[in-house]
Amino acid sequence: MTSFKIVKDSKILLSEIKKLKLKKKIIGFVPTLGGLHKGHFDLIDLAKKKSDIVVVSIFLNPLQFNSKNDFIKYPSNLNYDKRKINKKKVNILYLPSIKEVFPTKRIKIIKASSKSKKLCGKFRKGHFDGVVTVLKSLFEQVSPNIAFFGEKDFQQNLIIKDLISKYKLKIKVNIIPTVRENNGLAFSSRNFLLDKKQKKIAPFLFKTIKEISFKAKKDLKQLNNLKLKGKKELINLGFNKIDYLEVYNENNLLKKDMKKNNLRVFVAAYLGKTRLIDNYKS
């Protein structure tokens, strides 16, 4: 027997949430694509501390994938995810179909904020438009007081905050630090796609940006040299391609007014066909 409610209908969900809000319950929301890992479970743990009712959604959003192949290969395992969510004693698991999330035949795509034009947005055209389009729909259906996200998706979090501000949604965003394996590798659903050799190489992504962060704080003038050296090191270590290795002011993703206390290093790199992202601020 499951101790949580599984809801697939948005109207049923909204009705349930309205009843809970009449009882002054604080609704916490953890949206996911599935393929749950420790990072997701830590988000759920925080949601349980900060909320009275925790809603987790699993919806593999086709709008945020740049290729059908990437979408098909996404490592999801619904039965595993359900078991884990049950153990976490989540209140509601929302499992909508695409017709529930987007009830009209023509999906109205929302444009993500200007922060989407660089880093991942530069290499994944339309990705963040897909993210904010589905999140706006989910936010309306779940009607949370608080939404929980991980710091690994730093750029995405800034864009989500812009979405909430643009539509004047009464949602507080809570972000947890990136959850890492003992070797420093950030937990990600895509880690399941790595083979044994790639898993040994992957932790160098974090080690490299961590080193750049420490050195950059000592001397901001060395930024360009540090980035070039970092890219070469990653290729030499076995990464196949570097989409970007950049340093920005974390408040606005600009190089303007970049100081030691707001400097954050961002990276996206491929191991085989698997794309890994990370960021770090020392």
Protein backbone atom coordinates (compact mmCIF):
# COMPACT_ATOMS: atom_id res chain seq x y z
CA MET A 1 0.00 0.00 0.00
CA THR A 2 1.24 3.48 -0.84
CA SER A 3 1.05 6.19 1.81
CA PHE A 4 0.84 8.99 -0.75
CA LYS A 5 -1.84 10.01 -3.20
CA ILE A 6 -1.10 9.50 -6.87
CA VAL A 7 -2.93 12.11 -8.92
CA LYS A 8 -3.01 12.18 -12.71
CA ASP A 9 -5.86 14.66 -13.25
CA SER A 10 -5.12 18.39 -12.87
CA LYS A 11 -8.69 19.22 -11.79
CA ILE A 12 -8.57 16.64 -9.02
CA LEU A 13 -5.20 18.02 -7.94
CA LEU A 14 -6.46 21.62 -7.86
CA SER A 15 -9.51 20.58 -5.85
CA GLU A 16 -7.29 18.74 -3.35
CA ILE A 17 -4.91 21.71 -3.04
CA LYS A 18 -7.82 24.15 -2.47
CA LYS A 19 -9.10 22.02 0.42
CA LEU A 20 -5.62 21.94 1.96
CA LYS A 21 -5.16 25.69 1.58
CA LEU A 22 -8.51 26.32 3.29
CA LYS A 23 -6.95 24.49 6.24
CA LYS A 24 -4.01 26.96 6.04
CA LYS A 25 -1.60 24.24 4.89
CA ILE A 26 1.67 25.36 3.27
CA ILE A 27 2.18 23.57 -0.05
CA GLY A 28 5.74 22.66 -1.06
CA PHE A 29 6.45 21.59 -4.63
CA VAL A 30 9.34 19.59 -6.09
CA PRO A 31 9.00 19.39 -9.91
CA THR A 32 11.07 16.64 -11.56
CA LEU A 33 11.58 14.92 -14.90
CA GLY A 34 11.91 11.56 -13.14
CA GLY A 35 15.12 9.56 -12.91
CA LEU A 36 15.28 10.50 -9.23
CA HIS A 37 18.57 10.59 -7.31
CA LYS A 38 19.97 11.89 -4.01
CA GLY A 39 19.70 15.50 -5.17
CA HIS A 40 15.94 15.08 -5.61
CA PHE A 41 15.61 13.30 -2.27
CA ASP A 42 17.39 16.13 -0.47
CA LEU A 43 14.95 18.57 -2.10
CA ILE A 44 12.07 16.45 -0.81
CA ASP A 45 13.60 16.39 2.69
CA LEU A 46 13.86 20.18 2.70
CA ALA A 47 10.30 20.51 1.36
CA LYS A 48 9.08 18.35 4.24
CA LYS A 49 10.78 20.67 6.74
CA LYS A 50 9.50 23.88 5.16
CA SER A 51 5.98 22.76 4.14
CA ASP A 52 2.93 21.03 5.59
CA ILE A 53 2.12 19.22 2.34
CA VAL A 54 4.71 18.06 -0.22
CA VAL A 55 3.78 17.59 -3.86
CA VAL A 56 6.28 15.93 -6.20
CA SER A 57 5.60 15.91 -9.92
CA ILE A 58 7.16 13.58 -12.47
CA PHE A 59 6.71 14.84 -16.00
CA LEU A 60 9.24 14.23 -18.75
CA ASN A 61 8.81 17.51 -20.58
CA PRO A 62 9.40 17.08 -24.34
CA LEU A 63 9.57 20.85 -24.87
CA GLN A 64 12.92 21.20 -23.11
CA PHE A 65 14.76 18.55 -25.12
CA ASN A 66 16.67 19.59 -28.22
CA SER A 67 16.46 16.21 -29.89
CA LYS A 68 14.04 13.29 -29.87
CA ASN A 69 16.97 10.96 -29.23
CA ASP A 70 17.93 12.86 -26.07
CA PHE A 71 14.30 12.71 -24.91
CA ILE A 72 14.01 8.97 -25.59
CA LYS A 73 17.31 8.17 -23.84
CA TYR A 74 16.47 10.11 -20.67
CA PRO A 75 17.06 7.62 -17.81
CA SER A 76 13.63 7.34 -16.18
CA ASN A 77 12.34 4.49 -14.02
CA LEU A 78 8.85 5.23 -12.72
CA ASN A 79 8.52 2.15 -10.51
CA TYR A 80 11.82 2.94 -8.77
CA ASP A 81 10.79 6.59 -8.37
CA LYS A 82 7.42 5.62 -6.86
CA ARG A 83 9.09 3.32 -4.31
CA LYS A 84 11.54 6.03 -3.26
CA ILE A 85 8.82 8.68 -3.02
CA ASN A 86 6.74 6.32 -0.89
CA LYS A 87 9.67 5.86 1.51
CA LYS A 88 10.04 9.64 1.74
CA LYS A 89 6.39 9.91 2.81
CA VAL A 90 5.51 12.51 0.20
CA ASN A 91 1.85 13.56 0.38
CA ILE A 92 1.00 13.79 -3.32
CA LEU A 93 2.71 12.43 -6.42
CA TYR A 94 1.47 14.23 -9.52
CA LEU A 95 1.86 12.19 -12.71
CA PRO A 96 0.26 14.24 -15.48
CA SER A 97 0.09 13.30 -19.14
CA ILE A 98 1.09 15.89 -21.73
CA LYS A 99 -2.63 16.54 -22.33
CA GLU A 100 -3.06 17.42 -18.66
CA VAL A 101 -0.12 19.81 -18.62
CA PHE A 102 -1.08 21.33 -21.99
CA PRO A 103 -4.85 20.84 -22.45
CA THR A 104 -5.07 22.89 -25.65
CA LYS A 105 -3.91 21.45 -28.97
CA ARG A 106 -1.70 24.45 -29.69
CA ILE A 107 0.83 24.95 -26.90
CA LYS A 108 1.54 28.60 -26.19
CA ILE A 109 5.30 28.78 -25.77
CA ILE A 110 6.49 31.27 -23.16
CA LYS A 111 9.73 33.11 -23.83
CA ALA A 112 12.31 32.75 -21.09
CA SER A 113 14.03 35.86 -19.75
CA SER A 114 17.17 37.34 -21.31
CA LYS A 115 19.31 35.27 -18.91
CA SER A 116 18.49 32.30 -21.15
CA LYS A 117 20.55 33.60 -24.06
CA LYS A 118 23.93 32.44 -22.79
CA LEU A 119 25.52 29.34 -21.24
CA CYS A 120 23.10 26.40 -21.74
CA GLY A 121 20.65 28.56 -23.66
CA LYS A 122 23.27 29.35 -26.28
CA PHE A 123 23.84 25.67 -27.02
CA ARG A 124 20.32 24.33 -26.43
CA LYS A 125 18.03 26.54 -28.49
CA GLY A 126 14.54 26.77 -27.05
CA HIS A 127 15.46 24.71 -23.97
CA PHE A 128 14.61 27.34 -21.38
CA ASP A 129 11.46 28.39 -23.25
CA GLY A 130 10.37 24.76 -22.82
CA VAL A 131 11.27 24.81 -19.12
CA VAL A 132 9.33 27.98 -18.26
CA THR A 133 6.36 26.97 -20.44
CA VAL A 134 5.87 23.70 -18.57
CA LEU A 135 6.65 25.22 -15.16
CA LYS A 136 4.05 27.96 -15.55
CA SER A 137 1.44 25.29 -16.28
CA LEU A 138 2.58 23.13 -13.33
CA PHE A 139 2.70 26.14 -11.00
CA GLU A 140 -0.92 26.92 -11.92
CA GLN A 141 -2.01 23.33 -11.36
CA VAL A 142 -0.12 22.69 -8.10
CA SER A 143 -0.49 26.26 -6.76
CA PRO A 144 2.45 25.90 -4.34
CA ASN A 145 3.55 28.34 -1.67
CA ILE A 146 7.17 27.21 -2.05
CA ALA A 147 9.01 25.53 -4.96
CA PHE A 148 12.29 23.69 -4.41
CA PHE A 149 15.24 23.49 -6.81
CA GLY A 150 18.93 22.51 -6.76
CA GLU A 151 21.85 24.88 -7.24
CA LYS A 152 23.32 22.70 -10.00
CA ASP A 153 20.77 24.29 -12.33
CA PHE A 154 21.90 27.79 -11.34
CA GLN A 155 21.06 29.51 -14.64
CA GLN A 156 17.67 27.81 -14.76
CA ASN A 157 16.89 28.97 -11.22
CA LEU A 158 17.51 32.61 -12.14
CA ILE A 159 15.21 32.19 -15.16
CA ILE A 160 12.51 30.58 -12.98
CA LYS A 161 12.69 33.51 -10.56
CA ASP A 162 12.23 35.86 -13.53
CA LEU A 163 9.19 33.81 -14.61
CA ILE A 164 7.64 34.07 -11.14
CA SER A 165 8.30 37.80 -11.07
CA LYS A 166 6.93 38.38 -14.59
CA TYR A 167 3.60 36.69 -13.85
CA LYS A 168 3.45 37.92 -10.23
CA LEU A 169 3.11 34.37 -8.93
CA LYS A 170 2.98 34.09 -5.16
CA ILE A 171 5.63 31.41 -4.99
CA LYS A 172 8.79 31.47 -2.90
CA VAL A 173 11.80 29.72 -4.43
CA ASN A 174 14.01 27.65 -2.13
CA ILE A 175 17.37 26.47 -3.50
CA ILE A 176 19.62 23.84 -1.95
CA PRO A 177 23.39 23.57 -2.54
CA THR A 178 24.46 21.10 -5.22
CA VAL A 179 24.40 17.56 -3.86
CA ARG A 180 27.59 15.73 -4.76
CA GLU A 181 29.04 12.25 -4.67
CA ASN A 182 32.12 11.73 -2.47
CA ASN A 183 34.38 12.40 -5.46
CA GLY A 184 32.73 15.78 -6.10
CA LEU A 185 30.59 14.82 -9.09
CA ALA A 186 27.21 16.55 -8.96
CA PHE A 187 24.30 14.12 -8.78
CA SER A 188 22.39 14.09 -12.04
CA SER A 189 19.97 11.74 -13.77
CA ARG A 190 22.36 11.79 -16.72
CA ASN A 191 25.10 10.19 -14.61
CA PHE A 192 23.24 6.89 -15.13
CA LEU A 193 24.24 7.10 -18.82
CA LEU A 194 27.99 7.12 -18.08
CA ASP A 195 30.07 3.95 -18.48
CA LYS A 196 32.74 2.88 -15.97
CA LYS A 197 35.56 4.77 -17.68
CA GLN A 198 33.49 7.94 -18.01
CA LYS A 199 32.48 7.77 -14.34
CA LYS A 200 36.16 7.97 -13.40
CA ILE A 201 36.70 11.02 -15.62
CA ALA A 202 33.48 12.88 -14.69
CA PRO A 203 34.60 14.16 -11.23
CA PHE A 204 37.34 16.24 -12.88
CA LEU A 205 34.62 18.59 -14.10
CA PHE A 206 34.05 19.81 -10.54
CA LYS A 207 37.74 19.72 -9.61
CA THR A 208 38.58 21.94 -12.58
CA ILE A 209 35.97 24.65 -11.93
CA LYS A 210 36.74 24.59 -8.20
CA GLU A 211 40.40 25.27 -8.94
CA ILE A 212 39.51 28.05 -11.40
CA SER A 213 37.24 29.65 -8.80
CA PHE A 214 39.95 29.75 -6.13
CA LYS A 215 42.60 31.09 -8.51
CA ALA A 216 40.25 33.66 -10.06
CA LYS A 217 39.41 35.09 -6.65
CA LYS A 218 43.10 35.68 -6.05
CA ASP A 219 43.59 37.47 -9.35
CA LEU A 220 40.63 38.49 -11.55
CA LYS A 221 43.02 39.50 -14.33
CA GLN A 222 43.87 35.84 -14.90
CA LEU A 223 40.29 34.85 -15.83
CA ASN A 224 40.83 34.36 -19.57
CA ASN A 225 44.01 32.34 -19.06
CA LEU A 226 42.33 30.20 -16.42
CA LYS A 227 39.37 29.45 -18.71
CA LEU A 228 41.63 28.49 -21.65
CA LYS A 229 43.79 26.30 -19.44
CA GLY A 230 40.71 24.68 -17.89
CA LYS A 231 39.25 23.76 -21.29
CA LYS A 232 42.53 22.19 -22.41
CA GLU A 233 42.80 20.20 -19.18
CA LEU A 234 39.27 18.83 -19.53
CA ILE A 235 39.94 17.69 -23.11
CA ASN A 236 43.25 16.11 -22.03
CA LEU A 237 41.45 14.31 -19.21
CA GLY A 238 39.05 12.67 -21.66
CA PHE A 239 36.09 15.01 -22.13
CA ASN A 240 34.99 14.98 -25.77
CA LYS A 241 33.65 18.50 -26.13
CA ILE A 242 33.30 21.65 -24.03
CA ASP A 243 30.18 23.69 -24.71
CA TYR A 244 31.30 26.41 -22.35
CA LEU A 245 33.55 27.18 -19.42
CA GLU A 246 32.64 30.68 -18.26
CA VAL A 247 32.89 32.97 -15.26
CA TYR A 248 30.10 35.46 -14.52
CA ASN A 249 28.62 37.69 -11.88
CA GLU A 250 26.20 35.18 -10.32
CA ASN A 251 23.52 37.82 -9.74
CA ASN A 252 22.89 38.61 -13.41
CA LEU A 253 25.12 36.31 -15.52
CA LEU A 254 27.09 39.32 -16.73
CA LYS A 255 30.78 40.16 -16.64
CA LYS A 256 29.85 43.66 -15.52
CA ASP A 257 30.54 44.43 -11.85
CA MET A 258 32.18 41.04 -11.39
CA LYS A 259 33.87 40.89 -8.00
CA LYS A 260 35.46 38.24 -5.83
CA ASN A 261 32.28 37.80 -3.77
CA ASN A 262 29.91 37.30 -6.73
CA LEU A 263 32.14 35.33 -9.11
CA ARG A 264 30.76 31.93 -10.17
CA VAL A 265 32.27 29.43 -12.61
CA PHE A 266 29.95 27.60 -15.04
CA VAL A 267 30.71 24.60 -17.23
CA ALA A 268 29.03 22.21 -19.65
CA ALA A 269 31.01 19.35 -21.19
CA TYR A 270 30.43 16.05 -22.94
CA LEU A 271 31.63 12.59 -22.01
CA GLY A 272 30.74 10.58 -25.09
CA LYS A 273 27.18 11.66 -25.88
CA THR A 274 26.34 12.56 -22.28
CA ARG A 275 26.28 16.25 -21.45
CA LEU A 276 27.17 17.23 -17.89
CA ILE A 277 26.79 20.67 -16.32
CA ASP A 278 28.10 22.15 -13.08
CA ASN A 279 28.88 25.47 -11.43
CA TYR A 280 30.83 26.60 -8.40
CA LYS A 281 31.44 29.62 -6.20
CA SER A 282 34.23 29.44 -3.61
